[in-house]
Structures are given as C-alpha cells and as structure tokens.
Amino acid sequence: MNKYNINKGIGRTVEFKGLKAQYLFIFAGGLLGILILIMILYMVGVNSYICLFIGTGGASLIVWKTFLLNRKYGQHGLMKVGAVKNHPRYIICRKSIHRYVKYSKKTTL
C-alpha cells in the first residue's frame, strides 16, 4: 500500500531558505535578470572574464540585498513601506467651524 504525505501547509506563505512571500519573487526575478544580462553580454562579444565578474557581482548583490530586505521588513513589511508613501502627511481642512456645527432641519411631508 502506498503512503502519501499530506500537505499541512495550506494557507501558509511560500518559503525558501528563509525568504518569504514577495522576497522570493524578487530573488528569483533578480537572478533570472542577471542570467539574461550575462547571456546577452556574452553573445555580443564581451570578454568572458568581465561577464563572469558582472555575473558573480550582480548575483551576490541580489542575494545580499534580498536577504537584507527580508530581515529588515519581514513578510508584509515591504508592502507596508510602499503604502506609507501614498498616505498624506497631514489633512488640510478649509471649511469653517460653523459648517460643522450647523444644524440641519429634516422636513417631513
């Protein structure tokens, strides 16, 4: 008889080596972008040592920065930081106080 493992992680966020949520996509997209850049540079005819240097430098920068953001902001913190930029610093109210205190009469037929 076959034994099947039950997935008990339903509803949890995706995690890989400590990276959670959107950081995993930033990590994978960054490494894929570096790979494509190196392939284009190599096909254009750039020296292979320069391609190797750019590839290792870029990949290590992506890995370091992604883990730094994950540690600093947490799972949903990066979205919260982006949302704060859309909030107003203060609310300006130019109505007179009389308009707020004004009693409105309701007419009934």
C-alpha atoms as a PDB file:
ATOM      1  CA  MET A   1       0.000   0.000   0.000  1.00  0.00           C
ATOM      2  CA  ASN A   2       1.296   3.447  -0.922  1.00  0.00           C
ATOM      3  CA  LYS A   3       1.802   6.141   1.679  1.00  0.00           C
ATOM      4  CA  TYR A   4       1.181   9.725   0.661  1.00  0.00           C
ATOM      5  CA  ASN A   5       2.333  12.769   2.557  1.00  0.00           C
ATOM      6  CA  ILE A   6      -0.418  15.172   3.495  1.00  0.00           C
ATOM      7  CA  ASN A   7       0.247  18.830   2.761  1.00  0.00           C
ATOM      8  CA  LYS A   8      -0.208  20.550   6.109  1.00  0.00           C
ATOM      9  CA  GLY A   9       0.971  23.940   4.869  1.00  0.00           C
ATOM     10  CA  ILE A  10      -2.330  25.057   3.388  1.00  0.00           C
ATOM     11  CA  GLY A  11      -2.798  28.788   3.864  1.00  0.00           C
ATOM     12  CA  ARG A  12       0.861  29.412   4.680  1.00  0.00           C
ATOM     13  CA  THR A  13       3.108  31.629   2.626  1.00  0.00           C
ATOM     14  CA  VAL A  14       5.704  30.189   0.304  1.00  0.00           C
ATOM     15  CA  GLU A  15       9.138  29.965   1.922  1.00  0.00           C
ATOM     16  CA  PHE A  16      12.550  29.003   0.590  1.00  0.00           C
ATOM     17  CA  LYS A  17      15.713  29.162   2.700  1.00  0.00           C
ATOM     18  CA  GLY A  18      14.150  31.803   4.947  1.00  0.00           C
ATOM     19  CA  LEU A  19      12.845  34.041   2.147  1.00  0.00           C
ATOM     20  CA  LYS A  20       9.121  34.595   2.382  1.00  0.00           C
ATOM     21  CA  ALA A  21       6.380  35.994   0.167  1.00  0.00           C
ATOM     22  CA  GLN A  22       7.383  38.711  -2.303  1.00  0.00           C
ATOM     23  CA  TYR A  23      11.095  38.446  -1.452  1.00  0.00           C
ATOM     24  CA  LEU A  24      11.193  35.024  -3.074  1.00  0.00           C
ATOM     25  CA  PHE A  25       9.901  36.524  -6.323  1.00  0.00           C
ATOM     26  CA  ILE A  26      12.369  39.418  -6.107  1.00  0.00           C
ATOM     27  CA  PHE A  27      15.169  36.909  -5.543  1.00  0.00           C
ATOM     28  CA  ALA A  28      14.207  34.636  -8.454  1.00  0.00           C
ATOM     29  CA  GLY A  29      13.483  37.537 -10.808  1.00  0.00           C
ATOM     30  CA  GLY A  30      16.772  39.236  -9.969  1.00  0.00           C
ATOM     31  CA  LEU A  31      18.817  36.110 -10.586  1.00  0.00           C
ATOM     32  CA  LEU A  32      16.957  35.447 -13.823  1.00  0.00           C
ATOM     33  CA  GLY A  33      17.609  39.031 -14.922  1.00  0.00           C
ATOM     34  CA  ILE A  34      21.328  38.687 -14.168  1.00  0.00           C
ATOM     35  CA  LEU A  35      21.447  35.426 -16.131  1.00  0.00           C
ATOM     36  CA  ILE A  36      19.789  37.004 -19.166  1.00  0.00           C
ATOM     37  CA  LEU A  37      22.102  40.031 -18.952  1.00  0.00           C
ATOM     38  CA  ILE A  38      25.185  37.812 -18.868  1.00  0.00           C
ATOM     39  CA  MET A  39      23.916  35.762 -21.817  1.00  0.00           C
ATOM     40  CA  ILE A  40      23.350  38.923 -23.863  1.00  0.00           C
ATOM     41  CA  LEU A  41      26.770  40.329 -22.955  1.00  0.00           C
ATOM     42  CA  TYR A  42      28.479  37.051 -23.880  1.00  0.00           C
ATOM     43  CA  MET A  43      26.661  36.867 -27.234  1.00  0.00           C
ATOM     44  CA  VAL A  44      27.608  40.473 -28.032  1.00  0.00           C
ATOM     45  CA  GLY A  45      31.253  39.568 -27.570  1.00  0.00           C
ATOM     46  CA  VAL A  46      32.230  40.980 -24.189  1.00  0.00           C
ATOM     47  CA  ASN A  47      35.244  39.272 -22.613  1.00  0.00           C
ATOM     48  CA  SER A  48      34.238  36.181 -20.661  1.00  0.00           C
ATOM     49  CA  TYR A  49      36.118  37.316 -17.522  1.00  0.00           C
ATOM     50  CA  ILE A  50      34.149  40.553 -17.494  1.00  0.00           C
ATOM     51  CA  CYS A  51      30.930  38.571 -17.902  1.00  0.00           C
ATOM     52  CA  LEU A  52      31.977  36.310 -15.041  1.00  0.00           C
ATOM     53  CA  PHE A  53      32.801  39.300 -12.830  1.00  0.00           C
ATOM     54  CA  ILE A  54      29.490  41.044 -13.595  1.00  0.00           C
ATOM     55  CA  GLY A  55      27.552  37.811 -13.062  1.00  0.00           C
ATOM     56  CA  THR A  56      29.064  36.934  -9.700  1.00  0.00           C
ATOM     57  CA  GLY A  57      28.947  40.542  -8.500  1.00  0.00           C
ATOM     58  CA  GLY A  58      25.352  41.047  -9.592  1.00  0.00           C
ATOM     59  CA  ALA A  59      24.149  37.713  -8.219  1.00  0.00           C
ATOM     60  CA  SER A  60      25.847  38.260  -4.864  1.00  0.00           C
ATOM     61  CA  LEU A  61      24.345  41.765  -4.681  1.00  0.00           C
ATOM     62  CA  ILE A  62      20.854  40.396  -5.411  1.00  0.00           C
ATOM     63  CA  VAL A  63      21.221  37.655  -2.781  1.00  0.00           C
ATOM     64  CA  TRP A  64      22.617  40.030  -0.135  1.00  0.00           C
ATOM     65  CA  LYS A  65      20.028  42.769  -0.722  1.00  0.00           C
ATOM     66  CA  THR A  66      17.076  40.360  -0.810  1.00  0.00           C
ATOM     67  CA  PHE A  67      18.013  38.698   2.470  1.00  0.00           C
ATOM     68  CA  LEU A  68      18.644  42.144   3.987  1.00  0.00           C
ATOM     69  CA  LEU A  69      15.158  43.340   2.984  1.00  0.00           C
ATOM     70  CA  ASN A  70      13.609  40.113   4.268  1.00  0.00           C
ATOM     71  CA  ARG A  71      15.303  40.510   7.639  1.00  0.00           C
ATOM     72  CA  LYS A  72      14.570  44.249   7.900  1.00  0.00           C
ATOM     73  CA  TYR A  73      10.924  44.434   6.827  1.00  0.00           C
ATOM     74  CA  GLY A  74       9.547  40.926   7.401  1.00  0.00           C
ATOM     75  CA  GLN A  75       6.863  39.141   5.472  1.00  0.00           C
ATOM     76  CA  HIS A  76       4.477  42.012   4.659  1.00  0.00           C
ATOM     77  CA  GLY A  77       6.652  44.965   5.649  1.00  0.00           C
ATOM     78  CA  LEU A  78       7.821  45.871   2.164  1.00  0.00           C
ATOM     79  CA  MET A  79       4.214  46.356   1.020  1.00  0.00           C
ATOM     80  CA  LYS A  80       3.521  48.474   4.110  1.00  0.00           C
ATOM     81  CA  VAL A  81       6.523  50.687   3.381  1.00  0.00           C
ATOM     82  CA  GLY A  82       5.240  51.209  -0.154  1.00  0.00           C
ATOM     83  CA  ALA A  83       1.748  52.004   1.143  1.00  0.00           C
ATOM     84  CA  VAL A  84       3.034  54.643   3.569  1.00  0.00           C
ATOM     85  CA  LYS A  85       4.293  56.700   0.635  1.00  0.00           C
ATOM     86  CA  ASN A  86       0.696  57.056  -0.612  1.00  0.00           C
ATOM     87  CA  HIS A  87      -0.659  58.379   2.712  1.00  0.00           C
ATOM     88  CA  PRO A  88      -0.949  62.141   3.196  1.00  0.00           C
ATOM     89  CA  ARG A  89       1.353  63.704   5.783  1.00  0.00           C
ATOM     90  CA  TYR A  90      -1.459  65.820   7.198  1.00  0.00           C
ATOM     91  CA  ILE A  91      -5.073  66.634   6.383  1.00  0.00           C
ATOM     92  CA  ILE A  92      -5.998  70.183   5.471  1.00  0.00           C
ATOM     93  CA  CYS A  93      -9.485  71.282   6.339  1.00  0.00           C
ATOM     94  CA  ARG A  94     -10.588  74.611   4.905  1.00  0.00           C
ATOM     95  CA  LYS A  95     -14.221  74.561   5.994  1.00  0.00           C
ATOM     96  CA  SER A  96     -15.312  76.955   8.657  1.00  0.00           C
ATOM     97  CA  ILE A  97     -16.276  75.602  12.049  1.00  0.00           C
ATOM     98  CA  HIS A  98     -19.783  76.961  11.504  1.00  0.00           C
ATOM     99  CA  ARG A  99     -20.364  74.434   8.710  1.00  0.00           C
ATOM    100  CA  TYR A 100     -19.588  71.515  11.027  1.00  0.00           C
ATOM    101  CA  VAL A 101     -21.808  72.689  13.866  1.00  0.00           C
ATOM    102  CA  LYS A 102     -24.668  73.755  11.628  1.00  0.00           C
ATOM    103  CA  TYR A 103     -27.953  72.066  12.487  1.00  0.00           C
ATOM    104  CA  SER A 104     -29.712  70.538   9.533  1.00  0.00           C
ATOM    105  CA  LYS A 105     -33.512  70.509   9.593  1.00  0.00           C
ATOM    106  CA  LYS A 106     -35.222  67.457   8.232  1.00  0.00           C
ATOM    107  CA  THR A 107     -38.542  68.196   6.656  1.00  0.00           C
ATOM    108  CA  THR A 108     -41.278  65.619   6.734  1.00  0.00           C
ATOM    109  CA  LEU A 109     -44.215  65.543   4.404  1.00  0.00           C
END
